PDB file of N, CA and C in Angstrom:
ATOM      1  N   MET A   1     -63.248  73.216 -23.006  1.00  0.00           N
ATOM      2  CA  MET A   1     -62.540  73.651 -22.107  1.00  0.00           C
ATOM      3  C   MET A   1     -63.134  73.686 -20.467  1.00  0.00           C
ATOM      4  N   GLN A   2     -64.784  73.686 -20.411  1.00  0.00           N
ATOM      5  CA  GLN A   2     -65.263  73.942 -19.188  1.00  0.00           C
ATOM      6  C   GLN A   2     -65.498  71.940 -18.476  1.00  0.00           C
ATOM      7  N   ARG A   3     -64.882  71.262 -19.636  1.00  0.00           N
ATOM      8  CA  ARG A   3     -64.875  70.168 -19.131  1.00  0.00           C
ATOM      9  C   ARG A   3     -63.889  69.961 -18.215  1.00  0.00           C
ATOM     10  N   TRP A   4     -62.704  70.623 -18.435  1.00  0.00           N
ATOM     11  CA  TRP A   4     -61.388  70.442 -17.785  1.00  0.00           C
ATOM     12  C   TRP A   4     -61.355  70.782 -17.056  1.00  0.00           C
ATOM     13  N   VAL A   5     -62.450  71.809 -16.610  1.00  0.00           N
ATOM     14  CA  VAL A   5     -62.314  72.703 -15.496  1.00  0.00           C
ATOM     15  C   VAL A   5     -62.738  71.848 -14.701  1.00  0.00           C
ATOM     16  N   TYR A   6     -63.881  71.208 -14.419  1.00  0.00           N
ATOM     17  CA  TYR A   6     -64.318  70.202 -13.903  1.00  0.00           C
ATOM     18  C   TYR A   6     -63.257  68.885 -13.353  1.00  0.00           C
ATOM     19  N   ALA A   7     -62.742  68.268 -14.246  1.00  0.00           N
ATOM     20  CA  ALA A   7     -62.506  67.342 -14.178  1.00  0.00           C
ATOM     21  C   ALA A   7     -60.672  67.720 -13.033  1.00  0.00           C
ATOM     22  N   LEU A   8     -60.258  68.796 -13.432  1.00  0.00           N
ATOM     23  CA  LEU A   8     -58.634  68.951 -12.074  1.00  0.00           C
ATOM     24  C   LEU A   8     -59.163  68.748 -11.241  1.00  0.00           C
ATOM     25  N   PRO A   9     -59.974  69.285 -10.358  1.00  0.00           N
ATOM     26  CA  PRO A   9     -60.284  68.710  -8.818  1.00  0.00           C
ATOM     27  C   PRO A   9     -60.132  67.322  -8.798  1.00  0.00           C
ATOM     28  N   LEU A  10     -60.661  66.443  -9.591  1.00  0.00           N
ATOM     29  CA  LEU A  10     -60.630  65.351  -9.783  1.00  0.00           C
ATOM     30  C   LEU A  10     -59.451  64.404  -9.811  1.00  0.00           C
ATOM     31  N   LEU A  11     -58.357  64.978 -10.662  1.00  0.00           N
ATOM     32  CA  LEU A  11     -57.068  64.859 -10.727  1.00  0.00           C
ATOM     33  C   LEU A  11     -56.305  65.222  -9.741  1.00  0.00           C
ATOM     34  N   ALA A  12     -56.351  65.527  -9.130  1.00  0.00           N
ATOM     35  CA  ALA A  12     -55.377  66.546  -8.218  1.00  0.00           C
ATOM     36  C   ALA A  12     -56.316  65.720  -6.654  1.00  0.00           C
ATOM     37  N   LEU A  13     -57.214  65.431  -6.985  1.00  0.00           N
ATOM     38  CA  LEU A  13     -58.281  64.682  -5.623  1.00  0.00           C
ATOM     39  C   LEU A  13     -56.705  62.974  -5.753  1.00  0.00           C
ATOM     40  N   ALA A  14     -57.397  62.502  -6.881  1.00  0.00           N
ATOM     41  CA  ALA A  14     -57.005  61.220  -6.852  1.00  0.00           C
ATOM     42  C   ALA A  14     -54.919  60.876  -6.481  1.00  0.00           C
ATOM     43  N   TRP A  15     -54.821  62.230  -7.563  1.00  0.00           N
ATOM     44  CA  TRP A  15     -53.274  62.406  -7.580  1.00  0.00           C
ATOM     45  C   TRP A  15     -53.146  62.073  -5.701  1.00  0.00           C
ATOM     46  N   GLY A  16     -53.342  63.017  -4.995  1.00  0.00           N
ATOM     47  CA  GLY A  16     -52.982  63.023  -3.953  1.00  0.00           C
ATOM     48  C   GLY A  16     -53.723  62.069  -3.295  1.00  0.00           C
ATOM     49  N   GLN A  17     -53.905  61.083  -3.077  1.00  0.00           N
ATOM     50  CA  GLN A  17     -54.503  59.934  -2.748  1.00  0.00           C
ATOM     51  C   GLN A  17     -53.145  59.191  -2.574  1.00  0.00           C
ATOM     52  N   HIS A  18     -53.215  58.677  -3.870  1.00  0.00           N
ATOM     53  CA  HIS A  18     -51.810  58.228  -4.148  1.00  0.00           C
ATOM     54  C   HIS A  18     -50.633  58.367  -3.899  1.00  0.00           C
ATOM     55  N   ALA A  19     -50.945  59.675  -3.795  1.00  0.00           N
ATOM     56  CA  ALA A  19     -49.565  60.204  -2.887  1.00  0.00           C
ATOM     57  C   ALA A  19     -48.810  60.110  -1.304  1.00  0.00           C
ATOM     58  N   ARG A  20     -49.982  59.752  -1.153  1.00  0.00           N
ATOM     59  CA  ARG A  20     -50.158  59.670   0.518  1.00  0.00           C
ATOM     60  C   ARG A  20     -50.554  58.086   0.780  1.00  0.00           C
ATOM     61  N   ALA A  21     -50.504  57.367  -0.137  1.00  0.00           N
ATOM     62  CA  ALA A  21     -50.535  55.686  -0.222  1.00  0.00           C
ATOM     63  C   ALA A  21     -49.519  55.302   0.077  1.00  0.00           C
ATOM     64  N   ALA A  22     -48.057  55.685   0.380  1.00  0.00           N
ATOM     65  CA  ALA A  22     -47.004  55.044   0.392  1.00  0.00           C
ATOM     66  C   ALA A  22     -47.360  54.944   2.110  1.00  0.00           C
ATOM     67  N   ASP A  23     -46.379  54.201   2.810  1.00  0.00           N
ATOM     68  CA  ASP A  23     -46.508  53.915   4.426  1.00  0.00           C
ATOM     69  C   ASP A  23     -45.496  53.852   4.578  1.00  0.00           C
ATOM     70  N   ILE A  24     -44.532  54.896   5.461  1.00  0.00           N
ATOM     71  CA  ILE A  24     -43.298  55.319   5.653  1.00  0.00           C
ATOM     72  C   ILE A  24     -43.131  54.007   6.594  1.00  0.00           C
ATOM     73  N   GLU A  25     -43.755  53.595   7.345  1.00  0.00           N
ATOM     74  CA  GLU A  25     -42.707  52.294   8.764  1.00  0.00           C
ATOM     75  C   GLU A  25     -42.803  50.802   7.354  1.00  0.00           C
ATOM     76  N   ALA A  26     -43.738  50.688   6.334  1.00  0.00           N
ATOM     77  CA  ALA A  26     -43.123  49.666   6.007  1.00  0.00           C
ATOM     78  C   ALA A  26     -41.685  50.199   4.925  1.00  0.00           C
ATOM     79  N   GLY A  27     -41.846  50.908   4.680  1.00  0.00           N
ATOM     80  CA  GLY A  27     -39.949  51.530   4.093  1.00  0.00           C
ATOM     81  C   GLY A  27     -38.916  51.050   4.846  1.00  0.00           C
ATOM     82  N   LYS A  28     -39.362  51.744   5.740  1.00  0.00           N
ATOM     83  CA  LYS A  28     -38.282  51.390   7.094  1.00  0.00           C
ATOM     84  C   LYS A  28     -37.718  50.140   7.355  1.00  0.00           C
ATOM     85  N   ALA A  29     -39.062  49.079   7.241  1.00  0.00           N
ATOM     86  CA  ALA A  29     -38.740  47.494   7.137  1.00  0.00           C
ATOM     87  C   ALA A  29     -37.919  47.442   6.229  1.00  0.00           C
ATOM     88  N   LYS A  30     -38.135  47.569   4.863  1.00  0.00           N
ATOM     89  CA  LYS A  30     -38.094  47.029   3.687  1.00  0.00           C
ATOM     90  C   LYS A  30     -36.150  47.654   3.714  1.00  0.00           C
ATOM     91  N   ALA A  31     -36.038  49.158   4.562  1.00  0.00           N
ATOM     92  CA  ALA A  31     -34.751  49.520   3.805  1.00  0.00           C
ATOM     93  C   ALA A  31     -33.754  48.867   5.118  1.00  0.00           C
ATOM     94  N   ALA A  32     -34.120  47.560   5.911  1.00  0.00           N
ATOM     95  CA  ALA A  32     -33.187  46.811   6.338  1.00  0.00           C
ATOM     96  C   ALA A  32     -31.861  46.552   5.402  1.00  0.00           C
ATOM     97  N   VAL A  33     -32.439  45.968   3.910  1.00  0.00           N
ATOM     98  CA  VAL A  33     -31.780  45.118   3.494  1.00  0.00           C
ATOM     99  C   VAL A  33     -30.805  46.611   2.785  1.00  0.00           C
ATOM    100  N   CYS A  34     -31.353  47.685   2.437  1.00  0.00           N
ATOM    101  CA  CYS A  34     -30.680  48.747   1.714  1.00  0.00           C
ATOM    102  C   CYS A  34     -28.945  48.924   2.333  1.00  0.00           C
ATOM    103  N   ALA A  35     -29.412  49.527   3.998  1.00  0.00           N
ATOM    104  CA  ALA A  35     -28.764  49.886   4.909  1.00  0.00           C
ATOM    105  C   ALA A  35     -27.474  49.353   4.915  1.00  0.00           C
ATOM    106  N   ALA A  36     -26.966  48.244   4.383  1.00  0.00           N
ATOM    107  CA  ALA A  36     -25.630  47.651   3.935  1.00  0.00           C
ATOM    108  C   ALA A  36     -24.943  48.465   3.322  1.00  0.00           C
ATOM    109  N   CYS A  37     -25.299  48.961   2.165  1.00  0.00           N
ATOM    110  CA  CYS A  37     -25.065  49.708   1.448  1.00  0.00           C
ATOM    111  C   CYS A  37     -24.904  51.338   1.220  1.00  0.00           C
ATOM    112  N   HIS A  38     -26.391  51.584   1.679  1.00  0.00           N
ATOM    113  CA  HIS A  38     -26.622  53.229   1.708  1.00  0.00           C
ATOM    114  C   HIS A  38     -27.123  53.637   2.824  1.00  0.00           C
ATOM    115  N   GLY A  39     -26.271  52.539   4.279  1.00  0.00           N
ATOM    116  CA  GLY A  39     -26.230  53.986   6.011  1.00  0.00           C
ATOM    117  C   GLY A  39     -27.471  52.781   6.621  1.00  0.00           C
ATOM    118  N   VAL A  40     -27.420  52.501   8.117  1.00  0.00           N
ATOM    119  CA  VAL A  40     -28.941  52.910   8.946  1.00  0.00           C
ATOM    120  C   VAL A  40     -29.814  53.940   8.682  1.00  0.00           C
ATOM    121  N   ASP A  41     -28.824  55.070   8.219  1.00  0.00           N
ATOM    122  CA  ASP A  41     -30.276  56.528   8.381  1.00  0.00           C
ATOM    123  C   ASP A  41     -30.234  56.829   7.133  1.00  0.00           C
ATOM    124  N   GLY A  42     -29.609  56.202   5.850  1.00  0.00           N
ATOM    125  CA  GLY A  42     -30.081  56.501   4.453  1.00  0.00           C
ATOM    126  C   GLY A  42     -28.584  57.076   3.626  1.00  0.00           C
ATOM    127  N   ARG A  43     -27.805  57.682   5.424  1.00  0.00           N
ATOM    128  CA  ARG A  43     -26.692  58.503   4.948  1.00  0.00           C
ATOM    129  C   ARG A  43     -25.233  56.918   4.753  1.00  0.00           C
ATOM    130  N   ALA A  44     -24.931  57.003   3.626  1.00  0.00           N
ATOM    131  CA  ALA A  44     -24.219  55.954   2.770  1.00  0.00           C
ATOM    132  C   ALA A  44     -22.870  56.862   3.524  1.00  0.00           C
ATOM    133  N   GLN A  45     -22.139  54.693   4.289  1.00  0.00           N
ATOM    134  CA  GLN A  45     -20.715  55.400   4.714  1.00  0.00           C
ATOM    135  C   GLN A  45     -19.294  54.887   3.725  1.00  0.00           C
ATOM    136  N   ILE A  46     -20.054  53.887   2.616  1.00  0.00           N
ATOM    137  CA  ILE A  46     -18.619  54.028   1.549  1.00  0.00           C
ATOM    138  C   ILE A  46     -19.335  55.245   0.511  1.00  0.00           C
ATOM    139  N   PRO A  47     -18.086  55.658  -0.105  1.00  0.00           N
ATOM    140  CA  PRO A  47     -18.096  57.182  -0.476  1.00  0.00           C
ATOM    141  C   PRO A  47     -18.671  56.655  -2.248  1.00  0.00           C
ATOM    142  N   HIS A  48     -18.669  55.600  -2.661  1.00  0.00           N
ATOM    143  CA  HIS A  48     -19.948  55.340  -3.872  1.00  0.00           C
ATOM    144  C   HIS A  48     -20.590  54.894  -3.780  1.00  0.00           C
ATOM    145  N   TYR A  49     -21.367  55.436  -3.140  1.00  0.00           N
ATOM    146  CA  TYR A  49     -22.558  54.631  -2.934  1.00  0.00           C
ATOM    147  C   TYR A  49     -23.193  55.801  -1.933  1.00  0.00           C
ATOM    148  N   PRO A  50     -24.812  56.408  -3.149  1.00  0.00           N
ATOM    149  CA  PRO A  50     -25.269  57.792  -2.718  1.00  0.00           C
ATOM    150  C   PRO A  50     -26.435  57.806  -1.601  1.00  0.00           C
ATOM    151  N   HIS A  51     -26.352  58.694  -0.645  1.00  0.00           N
ATOM    152  CA  HIS A  51     -27.148  59.066   0.310  1.00  0.00           C
ATOM    153  C   HIS A  51     -28.286  59.199  -0.178  1.00  0.00           C
ATOM    154  N   LEU A  52     -29.607  58.609   0.752  1.00  0.00           N
ATOM    155  CA  LEU A  52     -30.932  58.347  -0.029  1.00  0.00           C
ATOM    156  C   LEU A  52     -31.854  59.104   1.103  1.00  0.00           C
ATOM    157  N   ALA A  53     -31.454  59.430   2.301  1.00  0.00           N
ATOM    158  CA  ALA A  53     -31.785  60.540   3.047  1.00  0.00           C
ATOM    159  C   ALA A  53     -31.821  62.107   2.240  1.00  0.00           C
ATOM    160  N   GLY A  54     -33.456  61.919   2.774  1.00  0.00           N
ATOM    161  CA  GLY A  54     -33.725  63.761   2.225  1.00  0.00           C
ATOM    162  C   GLY A  54     -34.104  63.600   0.785  1.00  0.00           C
ATOM    163  N   GLN A  55     -33.695  62.605  -0.047  1.00  0.00           N
ATOM    164  CA  GLN A  55     -34.411  62.899  -1.737  1.00  0.00           C
ATOM    165  C   GLN A  55     -35.325  62.676  -1.892  1.00  0.00           C
ATOM    166  N   ASN A  56     -36.107  63.551  -3.026  1.00  0.00           N
ATOM    167  CA  ASN A  56     -37.257  63.275  -3.273  1.00  0.00           C
ATOM    168  C   ASN A  56     -38.241  62.236  -4.106  1.00  0.00           C
ATOM    169  N   ALA A  57     -39.181  61.772  -2.809  1.00  0.00           N
ATOM    170  CA  ALA A  57     -39.855  60.285  -2.865  1.00  0.00           C
ATOM    171  C   ALA A  57     -39.759  60.325  -4.551  1.00  0.00           C
ATOM    172  N   ALA A  58     -40.352  60.574  -5.352  1.00  0.00           N
ATOM    173  CA  ALA A  58     -40.508  61.201  -6.897  1.00  0.00           C
ATOM    174  C   ALA A  58     -39.534  60.669  -7.400  1.00  0.00           C
ATOM    175  N   TYR A  59     -38.284  61.536  -7.134  1.00  0.00           N
ATOM    176  CA  TYR A  59     -37.028  60.710  -8.235  1.00  0.00           C
ATOM    177  C   TYR A  59     -36.534  59.396  -7.339  1.00  0.00           C
ATOM    178  N   LEU A  60     -36.736  59.328  -5.824  1.00  0.00           N
ATOM    179  CA  LEU A  60     -35.893  57.710  -5.614  1.00  0.00           C
ATOM    180  C   LEU A  60     -37.380  56.614  -6.468  1.00  0.00           C
ATOM    181  N   LEU A  61     -38.690  57.166  -6.705  1.00  0.00           N
ATOM    182  CA  LEU A  61     -39.118  55.848  -7.297  1.00  0.00           C
ATOM    183  C   LEU A  61     -38.741  55.800  -8.436  1.00  0.00           C
ATOM    184  N   LYS A  62     -38.502  56.678  -8.974  1.00  0.00           N
ATOM    185  CA  LYS A  62     -38.780  56.645 -10.616  1.00  0.00           C
ATOM    186  C   LYS A  62     -37.065  55.675 -10.851  1.00  0.00           C
ATOM    187  N   GLN A  63     -35.863  56.288 -10.122  1.00  0.00           N
ATOM    188  CA  GLN A  63     -34.683  55.468  -9.566  1.00  0.00           C
ATOM    189  C   GLN A  63     -34.894  53.481  -9.910  1.00  0.00           C
ATOM    190  N   MET A  64     -35.412  53.341  -8.313  1.00  0.00           N
ATOM    191  CA  MET A  64     -35.737  52.030  -8.378  1.00  0.00           C
ATOM    192  C   MET A  64     -36.733  51.203  -9.607  1.00  0.00           C
ATOM    193  N   SER A  65     -37.492  52.119 -10.448  1.00  0.00           N
ATOM    194  CA  SER A  65     -37.649  51.791 -11.029  1.00  0.00           C
ATOM    195  C   SER A  65     -37.383  51.321 -12.579  1.00  0.00           C
ATOM    196  N   ALA A  66     -36.549  52.366 -12.551  1.00  0.00           N
ATOM    197  CA  ALA A  66     -35.693  51.963 -13.705  1.00  0.00           C
ATOM    198  C   ALA A  66     -34.578  50.834 -13.559  1.00  0.00           C
ATOM    199  N   PHE A  67     -34.111  50.641 -12.118  1.00  0.00           N
ATOM    200  CA  PHE A  67     -33.361  49.277 -12.086  1.00  0.00           C
ATOM    201  C   PHE A  67     -34.025  48.012 -11.973  1.00  0.00           C
ATOM    202  N   LYS A  68     -35.321  48.637 -11.600  1.00  0.00           N
ATOM    203  CA  LYS A  68     -36.043  46.878 -11.734  1.00  0.00           C
ATOM    204  C   LYS A  68     -36.098  46.406 -13.580  1.00  0.00           C
ATOM    205  N   GLU A  69     -36.650  47.281 -13.895  1.00  0.00           N
ATOM    206  CA  GLU A  69     -37.124  47.311 -15.542  1.00  0.00           C
ATOM    207  C   GLU A  69     -35.865  47.337 -16.247  1.00  0.00           C
ATOM    208  N   GLY A  70     -34.537  47.614 -16.057  1.00  0.00           N
ATOM    209  CA  GLY A  70     -33.490  47.400 -16.208  1.00  0.00           C
ATOM    210  C   GLY A  70     -32.966  48.572 -17.223  1.00  0.00           C
ATOM    211  N   SER A  71     -33.520  49.680 -17.853  1.00  0.00           N
ATOM    212  CA  SER A  71     -33.093  50.730 -18.249  1.00  0.00           C
ATOM    213  C   SER A  71     -32.101  51.114 -17.725  1.00  0.00           C
ATOM    214  N   ARG A  72     -31.895  50.566 -16.086  1.00  0.00           N
ATOM    215  CA  ARG A  72     -30.955  51.782 -15.356  1.00  0.00           C
ATOM    216  C   ARG A  72     -29.758  50.222 -14.859  1.00  0.00           C
ATOM    217  N   GLN A  73     -28.512  50.048 -15.604  1.00  0.00           N
ATOM    218  CA  GLN A  73     -28.127  48.793 -14.981  1.00  0.00           C
ATOM    219  C   GLN A  73     -27.016  49.107 -14.042  1.00  0.00           C
ATOM    220  N   GLU A  74     -27.250  48.518 -12.672  1.00  0.00           N
ATOM    221  CA  GLU A  74     -26.538  48.533 -11.860  1.00  0.00           C
ATOM    222  C   GLU A  74     -26.725  46.770 -11.415  1.00  0.00           C
ATOM    223  N   PRO A  75     -25.295  45.958 -11.546  1.00  0.00           N
ATOM    224  CA  PRO A  75     -25.758  44.520 -10.956  1.00  0.00           C
ATOM    225  C   PRO A  75     -25.563  44.497  -9.527  1.00  0.00           C
ATOM    226  N   LEU A  76     -25.421  45.470  -9.008  1.00  0.00           N
ATOM    227  CA  LEU A  76     -25.773  45.163  -7.772  1.00  0.00           C
ATOM    228  C   LEU A  76     -26.868  45.243  -7.387  1.00  0.00           C
ATOM    229  N   MET A  77     -27.844  46.530  -7.926  1.00  0.00           N
ATOM    230  CA  MET A  77     -28.889  46.761  -8.006  1.00  0.00           C
ATOM    231  C   MET A  77     -30.111  45.734  -8.354  1.00  0.00           C
ATOM    232  N   ALA A  78     -29.875  45.336  -8.990  1.00  0.00           N
ATOM    233  CA  ALA A  78     -30.740  44.612  -9.819  1.00  0.00           C
ATOM    234  C   ALA A  78     -31.412  43.133  -8.297  1.00  0.00           C
ATOM    235  N   PRO A  79     -30.867  42.040  -8.200  1.00  0.00           N
ATOM    236  CA  PRO A  79     -31.347  41.594  -7.908  1.00  0.00           C
ATOM    237  C   PRO A  79     -32.102  42.020  -6.320  1.00  0.00           C
ATOM    238  N   PHE A  80     -31.964  43.104  -5.827  1.00  0.00           N
ATOM    239  CA  PHE A  80     -32.740  43.756  -4.658  1.00  0.00           C
ATOM    240  C   PHE A  80     -33.635  44.265  -5.367  1.00  0.00           C
ATOM    241  N   MET A  81     -33.716  45.130  -6.026  1.00  0.00           N
ATOM    242  CA  MET A  81     -35.070  45.269  -7.119  1.00  0.00           C
ATOM    243  C   MET A  81     -35.726  44.279  -7.907  1.00  0.00           C
ATOM    244  N   ALA A  82     -35.533  42.663  -8.156  1.00  0.00           N
ATOM    245  CA  ALA A  82     -36.370  42.343  -8.587  1.00  0.00           C
ATOM    246  C   ALA A  82     -37.184  41.871  -7.709  1.00  0.00           C
ATOM    247  N   MET A  83     -37.175  41.792  -6.430  1.00  0.00           N
ATOM    248  CA  MET A  83     -37.573  41.581  -4.924  1.00  0.00           C
ATOM    249  C   MET A  83     -39.091  42.085  -5.011  1.00  0.00           C
ATOM    250  N   LEU A  84     -38.724  43.290  -5.159  1.00  0.00           N
ATOM    251  CA  LEU A  84     -39.664  44.556  -4.459  1.00  0.00           C
ATOM    252  C   LEU A  84     -40.899  44.963  -5.688  1.00  0.00           C
ATOM    253  N   THR A  85     -41.485  44.632  -4.572  1.00  0.00           N
ATOM    254  CA  THR A  85     -43.595  45.370  -5.147  1.00  0.00           C
ATOM    255  C   THR A  85     -43.511  46.731  -5.521  1.00  0.00           C
ATOM    256  N   GLU A  86     -44.383  47.301  -6.783  1.00  0.00           N
ATOM    257  CA  GLU A  86     -44.521  48.754  -6.704  1.00  0.00           C
ATOM    258  C   GLU A  86     -45.018  49.570  -4.976  1.00  0.00           C
ATOM    259  N   ALA A  87     -45.181  48.654  -4.324  1.00  0.00           N
ATOM    260  CA  ALA A  87     -45.822  49.232  -3.220  1.00  0.00           C
ATOM    261  C   ALA A  87     -44.527  49.364  -2.146  1.00  0.00           C
ATOM    262  N   ASP A  88     -43.985  48.032  -2.458  1.00  0.00           N
ATOM    263  CA  ASP A  88     -42.267  49.020  -1.530  1.00  0.00           C
ATOM    264  C   ASP A  88     -41.459  49.601  -1.765  1.00  0.00           C
ATOM    265  N   MET A  89     -41.646  49.267  -3.243  1.00  0.00           N
ATOM    266  CA  MET A  89     -40.979  50.991  -3.814  1.00  0.00           C
ATOM    267  C   MET A  89     -41.567  52.196  -3.507  1.00  0.00           C
ATOM    268  N   GLU A  90     -42.648  52.382  -3.298  1.00  0.00           N
ATOM    269  CA  GLU A  90     -43.495  53.594  -2.818  1.00  0.00           C
ATOM    270  C   GLU A  90     -42.779  54.249  -1.368  1.00  0.00           C
ATOM    271  N   ASN A  91     -42.806  52.484  -0.317  1.00  0.00           N
ATOM    272  CA  ASN A  91     -42.921  52.517   0.459  1.00  0.00           C
ATOM    273  C   ASN A  91     -41.433  53.122   1.122  1.00  0.00           C
ATOM    274  N   LEU A  92     -40.422  52.159   0.514  1.00  0.00           N
ATOM    275  CA  LEU A  92     -39.151  53.108   0.465  1.00  0.00           C
ATOM    276  C   LEU A  92     -38.788  54.461   0.303  1.00  0.00           C
ATOM    277  N   ALA A  93     -39.570  55.146  -1.047  1.00  0.00           N
ATOM    278  CA  ALA A  93     -39.438  56.086  -1.740  1.00  0.00           C
ATOM    279  C   ALA A  93     -39.989  56.696  -0.340  1.00  0.00           C
ATOM    280  N   ALA A  94     -41.153  56.891  -0.038  1.00  0.00           N
ATOM    281  CA  ALA A  94     -41.264  57.909   0.980  1.00  0.00           C
ATOM    282  C   ALA A  94     -40.359  57.480   2.298  1.00  0.00           C
ATOM    283  N   TYR A  95     -40.491  56.756   3.159  1.00  0.00           N
ATOM    284  CA  TYR A  95     -39.261  56.470   3.786  1.00  0.00           C
ATOM    285  C   TYR A  95     -38.013  57.456   3.868  1.00  0.00           C
ATOM    286  N   TYR A  96     -37.262  56.973   2.522  1.00  0.00           N
ATOM    287  CA  TYR A  96     -36.657  57.999   3.044  1.00  0.00           C
ATOM    288  C   TYR A  96     -36.719  59.455   2.328  1.00  0.00           C
ATOM    289  N   ALA A  97     -37.004  59.770   1.842  1.00  0.00           N
ATOM    290  CA  ALA A  97     -37.502  60.898   1.530  1.00  0.00           C
ATOM    291  C   ALA A  97     -37.969  61.779   3.447  1.00  0.00           C
ATOM    292  N   SER A  98     -38.548  61.118   4.162  1.00  0.00           N
ATOM    293  CA  SER A  98     -38.733  61.350   5.697  1.00  0.00           C
ATOM    294  C   SER A  98     -37.821  61.813   5.994  1.00  0.00           C
ATOM    295  N   LEU A  99     -36.724  60.734   5.988  1.00  0.00           N
ATOM    296  CA  LEU A  99     -35.391  60.930   6.753  1.00  0.00           C
ATOM    297  C   LEU A  99     -34.459  62.218   6.703  1.00  0.00           C
ATOM    298  N   LYS A 100     -33.903  63.296   7.365  1.00  0.00           N
ATOM    299  CA  LYS A 100     -33.420  64.216   7.371  1.00  0.00           C
ATOM    300  C   LYS A 100     -31.946  63.975   6.730  1.00  0.00           C
TER     301      LYS A 100
END
């Protein structure tokens, strides 16, 4: 039990570093392609496309990963997700999460 007590602060520090690693400005640059469907400000103008602005970053990252790996199917998203790295997806998620 005592070993876990000592490990928890290290785990929290590692998680915090990972969460801060995303680059919002890089995400904003990548989002130019997304704007056609999801809007320049993350607010879609087309009714059946979701708003991304203000969404939780972890949720967005999970959804992008699902599109990329194919567990979530959407023919329009597949080509865009195929081009993204894990860092790109983290940056996009952070960017959209930062919007109001």
